Every structure is written in C-alpha cells, then in structure tokens.
Amino acid sequence: MTAKKVLVIDDSIMIRKMVKSILAGKYEVLEASDGKSGLDAARRAFPDLILLDFVMPKYNGYQTLQAIRRVEGLQKVPVIMISGLKEQVTEHVPEPFTEFDFLEKPFEADVLVSRIQNFLTPEPAQPISAATSRSAPEAVRDVPHTEEPSMQMILNRLTSTETLLVQGIENLIQREVVARVNELHHRIEHQDHAIKTLNDRMEKISEQIDHQNKGLMVILRELKALQGK
C-alpha cells in the first residue's frame, strides 16, 4: 500500500527535520520552507494532510491556507496549523477554529502522531469475537504485563524529549524575534512622529521667513521710491 503523504510547511529546518523523523516509516513526508513553496508543493503532490506553521515570511499560515483552499482538489485536505504564538493566530482567525485543526508548540511526538492519525487512519478493524477470545489459552490471556520498558519505549521517550527541546528553542527564538520586531515598530512610529513634528515646525518657519521676505520687499520698494523723488 502506498504511504499517505504529509506536507510540512515550516520556515524552520529543525522543525521540518524533526517532524520527518517522527513520521518516518508511517507516512511519506514532503517539505516546504515557506508559504509560496508550500503552495507549489501542494499543487504538485496533492498531500493527504498538511502540517502548516503560522509564523512564516512572505505568507503567514492563514494566507497560505486561503491560497491552498482555492486550488481544485485541495479544498478538503486536512490542515493542522502549528504555532508557539497562539495569540497571533487568533488575531487573524477567532476561536473556535473551524477551517483547520490547531496544535500549539511545543508538542510531544506522540501527540503529533495521534492528531495526524485522527485524520488519516482508516476505520478500526472489527474486534475479535468472543468465541475467538475464549479459544485462546488461559495462560496466554492471563499473563500480567510486568515486563521492563522496551528499547522502543526508551527511544520514543528520547524522541519526545528531543522534540520538546527543539520546539522550545524555536519558540523562545520566535518570541524574541517578535518582541524585537514590535520594539522596532514602536521606535519607527516614535521617529515618524518626531519627523512629522519637525516638518511641521520647518513649514511654520518657512511661512514666517516668506512673510518677512515679503515685508522686506515692501520696505525696499518704499526706499527706492523715496530715493527717486
């Protein structure tokens, strides 16, 4: 059976590689580094699900989603929006979110897999019949689960820890960048206000100088007139 395709659109290469590692062996993972290239990749591959970061250059996640929904054949593809800044998402799209599912960073690996499986896993198989259950040897059915954690469980826990660490670092960097950008915007607004005030004063001074020049011209004409008599 052909593996279902998950398209990850995120400007962070660490997040993309982390998601690819988590989903390895479960899904075919495609990558895009921004909204524009993500839209192009979606048009080419028609993925079964899109994992979409919200804070990105060029187009943010919601602008990218709107562009994707305009493509024939992609109107119904499930989208999971991911972001460590939920307040930025709600500025554009009020809750409850109906156009997409939302997963807040940082998230654990098993949470991501569970969300994706909710959309892509087919209906579960029929449960084993009571007759089949009764036919199993009692010794097999009644064995208590006292075994030590398997190597796979340990690896899963390490993966989850690494996932949270990577996302935590990304989230801290993203919040710091947003804070610096906001601070820069405030400074620019303050400078714009100061420049406008200075321009207004210069205009007033220019008007005063122009008025004084007109007065001097009148005086000079009067003096010339007196000299000519």
C-alpha atoms as a PDB file:
ATOM      1  CA  MET A   1       0.000   0.000   0.000  1.00  0.00           C
ATOM      2  CA  THR A   2       1.302   3.459  -0.900  1.00  0.00           C
ATOM      3  CA  ALA A   3       2.112   5.553   2.158  1.00  0.00           C
ATOM      4  CA  LYS A   4      -0.060   8.597   2.702  1.00  0.00           C
ATOM      5  CA  LYS A   5       1.634  11.942   2.127  1.00  0.00           C
ATOM      6  CA  VAL A   6       2.085  14.629   4.781  1.00  0.00           C
ATOM      7  CA  LEU A   7       3.313  18.038   3.622  1.00  0.00           C
ATOM      8  CA  VAL A   8       5.199  20.037   6.283  1.00  0.00           C
ATOM      9  CA  ILE A   9       5.297  23.794   5.564  1.00  0.00           C
ATOM     10  CA  ASP A  10       7.591  25.489   8.089  1.00  0.00           C
ATOM     11  CA  ASP A  11      10.412  28.014   7.721  1.00  0.00           C
ATOM     12  CA  SER A  12      12.426  26.202  10.421  1.00  0.00           C
ATOM     13  CA  ILE A  13      14.604  23.438   9.020  1.00  0.00           C
ATOM     14  CA  MET A  14      14.923  21.963  12.534  1.00  0.00           C
ATOM     15  CA  ILE A  15      11.146  21.600  12.869  1.00  0.00           C
ATOM     16  CA  ARG A  16      10.835  20.068   9.397  1.00  0.00           C
ATOM     17  CA  LYS A  17      13.573  17.511  10.051  1.00  0.00           C
ATOM     18  CA  MET A  18      12.151  16.756  13.492  1.00  0.00           C
ATOM     19  CA  VAL A  19       8.673  16.101  12.074  1.00  0.00           C
ATOM     20  CA  LYS A  20      10.161  13.987   9.292  1.00  0.00           C
ATOM     21  CA  SER A  21      11.982  11.909  11.904  1.00  0.00           C
ATOM     22  CA  ILE A  22       8.827  11.456  13.995  1.00  0.00           C
ATOM     23  CA  LEU A  23       6.735  10.359  10.997  1.00  0.00           C
ATOM     24  CA  ALA A  24       9.426   8.162   9.423  1.00  0.00           C
ATOM     25  CA  GLY A  25       8.046   4.766   8.494  1.00  0.00           C
ATOM     26  CA  LYS A  26       4.456   5.918   8.978  1.00  0.00           C
ATOM     27  CA  TYR A  27       3.935   8.477   6.200  1.00  0.00           C
ATOM     28  CA  GLU A  28       5.722   9.944   3.206  1.00  0.00           C
ATOM     29  CA  VAL A  29       6.845  13.376   4.387  1.00  0.00           C
ATOM     30  CA  LEU A  30       7.250  16.303   1.970  1.00  0.00           C
ATOM     31  CA  GLU A  31       8.851  19.607   2.980  1.00  0.00           C
ATOM     32  CA  ALA A  32       8.470  23.297   2.095  1.00  0.00           C
ATOM     33  CA  SER A  33      10.236  26.238   3.727  1.00  0.00           C
ATOM     34  CA  ASP A  34       7.617  28.979   3.213  1.00  0.00           C
ATOM     35  CA  GLY A  35       4.042  29.585   2.143  1.00  0.00           C
ATOM     36  CA  LYS A  36       4.773  30.101  -1.555  1.00  0.00           C
ATOM     37  CA  SER A  37       6.875  26.967  -1.981  1.00  0.00           C
ATOM     38  CA  GLY A  38       4.354  25.116   0.205  1.00  0.00           C
ATOM     39  CA  LEU A  39       1.520  26.095  -2.130  1.00  0.00           C
ATOM     40  CA  ASP A  40       3.566  24.911  -5.125  1.00  0.00           C
ATOM     41  CA  ALA A  41       4.356  21.606  -3.375  1.00  0.00           C
ATOM     42  CA  ALA A  42       0.675  21.078  -2.524  1.00  0.00           C
ATOM     43  CA  ARG A  43      -0.301  21.662  -6.151  1.00  0.00           C
ATOM     44  CA  ARG A  44       2.249  19.105  -7.342  1.00  0.00           C
ATOM     45  CA  ALA A  45       1.782  16.372  -4.735  1.00  0.00           C
ATOM     46  CA  PHE A  46      -1.833  16.727  -3.528  1.00  0.00           C
ATOM     47  CA  PRO A  47      -0.918  15.557   0.001  1.00  0.00           C
ATOM     48  CA  ASP A  48      -3.307  13.708   2.293  1.00  0.00           C
ATOM     49  CA  LEU A  49      -2.609  16.172   5.138  1.00  0.00           C
ATOM     50  CA  ILE A  50      -0.784  19.481   5.548  1.00  0.00           C
ATOM     51  CA  LEU A  51       1.106  20.484   8.679  1.00  0.00           C
ATOM     52  CA  LEU A  52       1.273  24.269   8.430  1.00  0.00           C
ATOM     53  CA  ASP A  53       3.307  26.701  10.526  1.00  0.00           C
ATOM     54  CA  PHE A  54       1.622  30.046  11.149  1.00  0.00           C
ATOM     55  CA  VAL A  55       4.524  32.497  11.580  1.00  0.00           C
ATOM     56  CA  MET A  56       6.448  32.488   8.306  1.00  0.00           C
ATOM     57  CA  PRO A  57       7.984  35.064   5.933  1.00  0.00           C
ATOM     58  CA  LYS A  58       6.168  36.153   2.749  1.00  0.00           C
ATOM     59  CA  TYR A  59       2.831  34.483   3.542  1.00  0.00           C
ATOM     60  CA  ASN A  60       1.738  33.557   7.039  1.00  0.00           C
ATOM     61  CA  GLY A  61      -0.024  30.267   7.691  1.00  0.00           C
ATOM     62  CA  TYR A  62      -3.543  31.606   7.246  1.00  0.00           C
ATOM     63  CA  GLN A  63      -2.716  33.353   3.955  1.00  0.00           C
ATOM     64  CA  THR A  64      -1.150  30.110   2.746  1.00  0.00           C
ATOM     65  CA  LEU A  65      -4.230  28.146   3.823  1.00  0.00           C
ATOM     66  CA  GLN A  66      -6.525  30.510   1.918  1.00  0.00           C
ATOM     67  CA  ALA A  67      -4.388  30.073  -1.218  1.00  0.00           C
ATOM     68  CA  ILE A  68      -4.428  26.277  -0.830  1.00  0.00           C
ATOM     69  CA  ARG A  69      -8.221  26.218  -0.472  1.00  0.00           C
ATOM     70  CA  ARG A  70      -8.556  27.964  -3.841  1.00  0.00           C
ATOM     71  CA  VAL A  71      -6.819  25.068  -5.626  1.00  0.00           C
ATOM     72  CA  GLU A  72      -9.120  22.468  -7.163  1.00  0.00           C
ATOM     73  CA  GLY A  73      -8.678  19.193  -5.295  1.00  0.00           C
ATOM     74  CA  LEU A  74      -7.209  20.758  -2.144  1.00  0.00           C
ATOM     75  CA  GLN A  75     -10.380  22.261  -0.652  1.00  0.00           C
ATOM     76  CA  LYS A  76     -10.944  19.282   1.662  1.00  0.00           C
ATOM     77  CA  VAL A  77      -7.374  18.301   2.550  1.00  0.00           C
ATOM     78  CA  PRO A  78      -6.977  18.308   6.372  1.00  0.00           C
ATOM     79  CA  VAL A  79      -4.734  21.068   7.738  1.00  0.00           C
ATOM     80  CA  ILE A  80      -3.123  21.174  11.170  1.00  0.00           C
ATOM     81  CA  MET A  81      -1.917  24.685  11.988  1.00  0.00           C
ATOM     82  CA  ILE A  82       1.071  24.756  14.360  1.00  0.00           C
ATOM     83  CA  SER A  83       2.392  27.751  16.264  1.00  0.00           C
ATOM     84  CA  GLY A  84       4.004  28.699  19.541  1.00  0.00           C
ATOM     85  CA  LEU A  85       2.206  32.057  19.377  1.00  0.00           C
ATOM     86  CA  LYS A  86      -1.470  31.193  19.503  1.00  0.00           C
ATOM     87  CA  GLU A  87      -2.376  34.838  20.108  1.00  0.00           C
ATOM     88  CA  GLN A  88      -1.078  35.695  16.635  1.00  0.00           C
ATOM     89  CA  VAL A  89      -3.340  33.055  15.121  1.00  0.00           C
ATOM     90  CA  THR A  90      -6.404  34.329  16.989  1.00  0.00           C
ATOM     91  CA  GLU A  91      -5.681  37.865  15.730  1.00  0.00           C
ATOM     92  CA  HIS A  92      -6.445  36.593  12.217  1.00  0.00           C
ATOM     93  CA  VAL A  93      -8.869  33.758  12.966  1.00  0.00           C
ATOM     94  CA  PRO A  94     -11.071  33.883  16.090  1.00  0.00           C
ATOM     95  CA  GLU A  95     -11.676  30.717  18.061  1.00  0.00           C
ATOM     96  CA  PRO A  96     -13.116  28.158  17.718  1.00  0.00           C
ATOM     97  CA  PHE A  97     -11.053  27.172  14.701  1.00  0.00           C
ATOM     98  CA  THR A  98     -13.248  25.548  12.058  1.00  0.00           C
ATOM     99  CA  GLU A  99     -11.101  25.743   8.917  1.00  0.00           C
ATOM    100  CA  PHE A 100      -8.216  23.821  10.440  1.00  0.00           C
ATOM    101  CA  ASP A 101      -7.085  21.874  13.479  1.00  0.00           C
ATOM    102  CA  PHE A 102      -4.631  23.658  15.782  1.00  0.00           C
ATOM    103  CA  LEU A 103      -1.617  22.259  17.623  1.00  0.00           C
ATOM    104  CA  GLU A 104       0.354  24.536  19.897  1.00  0.00           C
ATOM    105  CA  LYS A 105       4.142  24.321  20.095  1.00  0.00           C
ATOM    106  CA  PRO A 106       5.903  22.733  21.834  1.00  0.00           C
ATOM    107  CA  PHE A 107       4.125  19.422  21.302  1.00  0.00           C
ATOM    108  CA  GLU A 108       5.226  15.870  22.028  1.00  0.00           C
ATOM    109  CA  ALA A 109       5.893  13.392  19.258  1.00  0.00           C
ATOM    110  CA  ASP A 110       3.065  11.051  20.224  1.00  0.00           C
ATOM    111  CA  VAL A 111       0.602  13.964  20.316  1.00  0.00           C
ATOM    112  CA  LEU A 112       1.545  14.943  16.756  1.00  0.00           C
ATOM    113  CA  VAL A 113       1.212  11.357  15.536  1.00  0.00           C
ATOM    114  CA  SER A 114      -2.155  10.984  17.271  1.00  0.00           C
ATOM    115  CA  ARG A 115      -3.515  14.166  15.671  1.00  0.00           C
ATOM    116  CA  ILE A 116      -2.414  13.050  12.220  1.00  0.00           C
ATOM    117  CA  GLN A 117      -3.810   9.558  12.729  1.00  0.00           C
ATOM    118  CA  ASN A 118      -7.180  11.069  13.647  1.00  0.00           C
ATOM    119  CA  PHE A 119      -7.406  12.300  10.059  1.00  0.00           C
ATOM    120  CA  LEU A 120      -5.563   9.608   8.124  1.00  0.00           C
ATOM    121  CA  THR A 121      -6.164   6.313   9.917  1.00  0.00           C
ATOM    122  CA  PRO A 122      -8.985   4.219   8.389  1.00  0.00           C
ATOM    123  CA  GLU A 123     -11.803   2.789  10.447  1.00  0.00           C
ATOM    124  CA  PRO A 124     -10.512   0.257  13.001  1.00  0.00           C
ATOM    125  CA  ALA A 125     -10.910  -3.430  12.266  1.00  0.00           C
ATOM    126  CA  GLN A 126     -13.747  -5.385  13.826  1.00  0.00           C
ATOM    127  CA  PRO A 127     -12.989  -6.542  17.391  1.00  0.00           C
ATOM    128  CA  ILE A 128     -12.092 -10.172  17.979  1.00  0.00           C
ATOM    129  CA  SER A 129     -15.190 -12.255  18.571  1.00  0.00           C
ATOM    130  CA  ALA A 130     -15.982 -13.683  21.953  1.00  0.00           C
ATOM    131  CA  ALA A 131     -15.568 -17.209  20.560  1.00  0.00           C
ATOM    132  CA  THR A 132     -12.068 -16.408  19.325  1.00  0.00           C
ATOM    133  CA  SER A 133     -11.244 -14.839  22.654  1.00  0.00           C
ATOM    134  CA  ARG A 134     -12.421 -17.925  24.532  1.00  0.00           C
ATOM    135  CA  SER A 135     -10.307 -20.176  22.328  1.00  0.00           C
ATOM    136  CA  ALA A 136      -7.088 -18.513  23.459  1.00  0.00           C
ATOM    137  CA  PRO A 137      -5.145 -20.430  26.078  1.00  0.00           C
ATOM    138  CA  GLU A 138      -5.786 -19.173  29.590  1.00  0.00           C
ATOM    139  CA  ALA A 139      -2.069 -18.966  30.256  1.00  0.00           C
ATOM    140  CA  VAL A 140      -1.643 -16.552  27.363  1.00  0.00           C
ATOM    141  CA  ARG A 141      -4.649 -14.397  28.184  1.00  0.00           C
ATOM    142  CA  ASP A 142      -3.891 -14.023  31.851  1.00  0.00           C
ATOM    143  CA  VAL A 143      -0.198 -13.171  31.741  1.00  0.00           C
ATOM    144  CA  PRO A 144       0.319  -9.926  33.708  1.00  0.00           C
ATOM    145  CA  HIS A 145       2.222  -7.107  31.986  1.00  0.00           C
ATOM    146  CA  THR A 146       5.262  -6.840  34.230  1.00  0.00           C
ATOM    147  CA  GLU A 147       7.971  -6.660  31.570  1.00  0.00           C
ATOM    148  CA  GLU A 148      10.628  -3.973  31.691  1.00  0.00           C
ATOM    149  CA  PRO A 149      10.323  -0.956  29.323  1.00  0.00           C
ATOM    150  CA  SER A 150      11.415  -1.992  25.861  1.00  0.00           C
ATOM    151  CA  MET A 151      14.157  -0.297  23.867  1.00  0.00           C
ATOM    152  CA  GLN A 152      11.476   1.142  21.569  1.00  0.00           C
ATOM    153  CA  MET A 153       9.745   2.790  24.541  1.00  0.00           C
ATOM    154  CA  ILE A 154      13.041   4.316  25.651  1.00  0.00           C
ATOM    155  CA  LEU A 155      13.703   5.579  22.118  1.00  0.00           C
ATOM    156  CA  ASN A 156      10.194   7.049  21.967  1.00  0.00           C
ATOM    157  CA  ARG A 157      10.771   8.900  25.225  1.00  0.00           C
ATOM    158  CA  LEU A 158      14.115  10.219  23.995  1.00  0.00           C
ATOM    159  CA  THR A 159      12.461  11.347  20.761  1.00  0.00           C
ATOM    160  CA  SER A 160       9.725  13.140  22.700  1.00  0.00           C
ATOM    161  CA  THR A 161      12.320  14.867  24.888  1.00  0.00           C
ATOM    162  CA  GLU A 162      14.325  15.925  21.826  1.00  0.00           C
ATOM    163  CA  THR A 163      11.129  17.142  20.144  1.00  0.00           C
ATOM    164  CA  LEU A 164      10.172  19.330  23.088  1.00  0.00           C
ATOM    165  CA  LEU A 165      13.722  20.692  23.362  1.00  0.00           C
ATOM    166  CA  VAL A 166      13.918  21.648  19.682  1.00  0.00           C
ATOM    167  CA  GLN A 167      10.494  23.261  19.704  1.00  0.00           C
ATOM    168  CA  GLY A 168      11.217  25.042  22.974  1.00  0.00           C
ATOM    169  CA  ILE A 169      14.346  26.609  21.487  1.00  0.00           C
ATOM    170  CA  GLU A 170      12.447  27.538  18.316  1.00  0.00           C
ATOM    171  CA  ASN A 171       9.637  29.032  20.367  1.00  0.00           C
ATOM    172  CA  LEU A 172      11.992  31.127  22.502  1.00  0.00           C
ATOM    173  CA  ILE A 173      13.764  32.430  19.392  1.00  0.00           C
ATOM    174  CA  GLN A 174      10.445  33.187  17.698  1.00  0.00           C
ATOM    175  CA  ARG A 175       9.106  35.087  20.702  1.00  0.00           C
ATOM    176  CA  GLU A 176      12.355  37.052  20.997  1.00  0.00           C
ATOM    177  CA  VAL A 177      12.225  37.953  17.291  1.00  0.00           C
ATOM    178  CA  VAL A 178       8.587  39.056  17.577  1.00  0.00           C
ATOM    179  CA  ALA A 179       9.395  41.152  20.653  1.00  0.00           C
ATOM    180  CA  ARG A 180      12.339  42.814  18.865  1.00  0.00           C
ATOM    181  CA  VAL A 181      10.234  43.483  15.765  1.00  0.00           C
ATOM    182  CA  ASN A 182       7.476  45.043  17.887  1.00  0.00           C
ATOM    183  CA  GLU A 183      10.044  47.181  19.680  1.00  0.00           C
ATOM    184  CA  LEU A 184      11.470  48.270  16.327  1.00  0.00           C
ATOM    185  CA  HIS A 185       7.960  49.173  15.092  1.00  0.00           C
ATOM    186  CA  HIS A 186       7.410  51.313  18.196  1.00  0.00           C
ATOM    187  CA  ARG A 187      10.721  53.091  17.623  1.00  0.00           C
ATOM    188  CA  ILE A 188       9.875  53.703  13.973  1.00  0.00           C
ATOM    189  CA  GLU A 189       6.460  55.080  14.950  1.00  0.00           C
ATOM    190  CA  HIS A 190       8.113  57.360  17.513  1.00  0.00           C
ATOM    191  CA  GLN A 191      10.662  58.539  14.931  1.00  0.00           C
ATOM    192  CA  ASP A 192       7.911  59.114  12.359  1.00  0.00           C
ATOM    193  CA  HIS A 193       6.047  61.236  14.886  1.00  0.00           C
ATOM    194  CA  ALA A 194       9.226  63.201  15.687  1.00  0.00           C
ATOM    195  CA  ILE A 195       9.935  63.729  11.960  1.00  0.00           C
ATOM    196  CA  LYS A 196       6.366  64.902  11.362  1.00  0.00           C
ATOM    197  CA  THR A 197       6.639  67.364  14.255  1.00  0.00           C
ATOM    198  CA  LEU A 198       9.946  68.650  12.864  1.00  0.00           C
ATOM    199  CA  ASN A 199       8.455  69.029   9.371  1.00  0.00           C
ATOM    200  CA  ASP A 200       5.525  70.990  10.801  1.00  0.00           C
ATOM    201  CA  ARG A 201       7.908  73.350  12.599  1.00  0.00           C
ATOM    202  CA  MET A 202      10.001  73.785   9.450  1.00  0.00           C
ATOM    203  CA  GLU A 203       6.868  74.639   7.464  1.00  0.00           C
ATOM    204  CA  LYS A 204       5.894  77.254  10.037  1.00  0.00           C
ATOM    205  CA  ILE A 205       9.407  78.723   9.989  1.00  0.00           C
ATOM    206  CA  SER A 206       9.328  78.774   6.175  1.00  0.00           C
ATOM    207  CA  GLU A 207       5.990  80.607   6.270  1.00  0.00           C
ATOM    208  CA  GLN A 208       7.401  83.132   8.724  1.00  0.00           C
ATOM    209  CA  ILE A 209      10.524  83.659   6.588  1.00  0.00           C
ATOM    210  CA  ASP A 210       8.374  84.065   3.478  1.00  0.00           C
ATOM    211  CA  HIS A 211       6.182  86.601   5.312  1.00  0.00           C
ATOM    212  CA  GLN A 212       9.265  88.504   6.484  1.00  0.00           C
ATOM    213  CA  ASN A 213      10.736  88.476   2.962  1.00  0.00           C
ATOM    214  CA  LYS A 214       7.539  89.990   1.604  1.00  0.00           C
ATOM    215  CA  GLY A 215       7.746  92.672   4.277  1.00  0.00           C
ATOM    216  CA  LEU A 216      11.356  93.437   3.343  1.00  0.00           C
ATOM    217  CA  MET A 217      10.425  93.720  -0.331  1.00  0.00           C
ATOM    218  CA  VAL A 218       7.759  96.256   0.553  1.00  0.00           C
ATOM    219  CA  ILE A 219      10.306  98.259   2.561  1.00  0.00           C
ATOM    220  CA  LEU A 220      12.845  98.133  -0.287  1.00  0.00           C
ATOM    221  CA  ARG A 221      10.255  99.383  -2.777  1.00  0.00           C
ATOM    222  CA  GLU A 222       9.397 102.230  -0.441  1.00  0.00           C
ATOM    223  CA  LEU A 223      13.061 103.145  -0.052  1.00  0.00           C
ATOM    224  CA  LYS A 224      13.599 103.120  -3.822  1.00  0.00           C
ATOM    225  CA  ALA A 225      10.538 105.258  -4.253  1.00  0.00           C
ATOM    226  CA  LEU A 226      11.872 107.792  -1.718  1.00  0.00           C
ATOM    227  CA  GLN A 227      15.292 107.836  -3.411  1.00  0.00           C
ATOM    228  CA  GLY A 228      13.693 108.522  -6.768  1.00  0.00           C
ATOM    229  CA  LYS A 229      11.945 111.663  -5.582  1.00  0.00           C
END
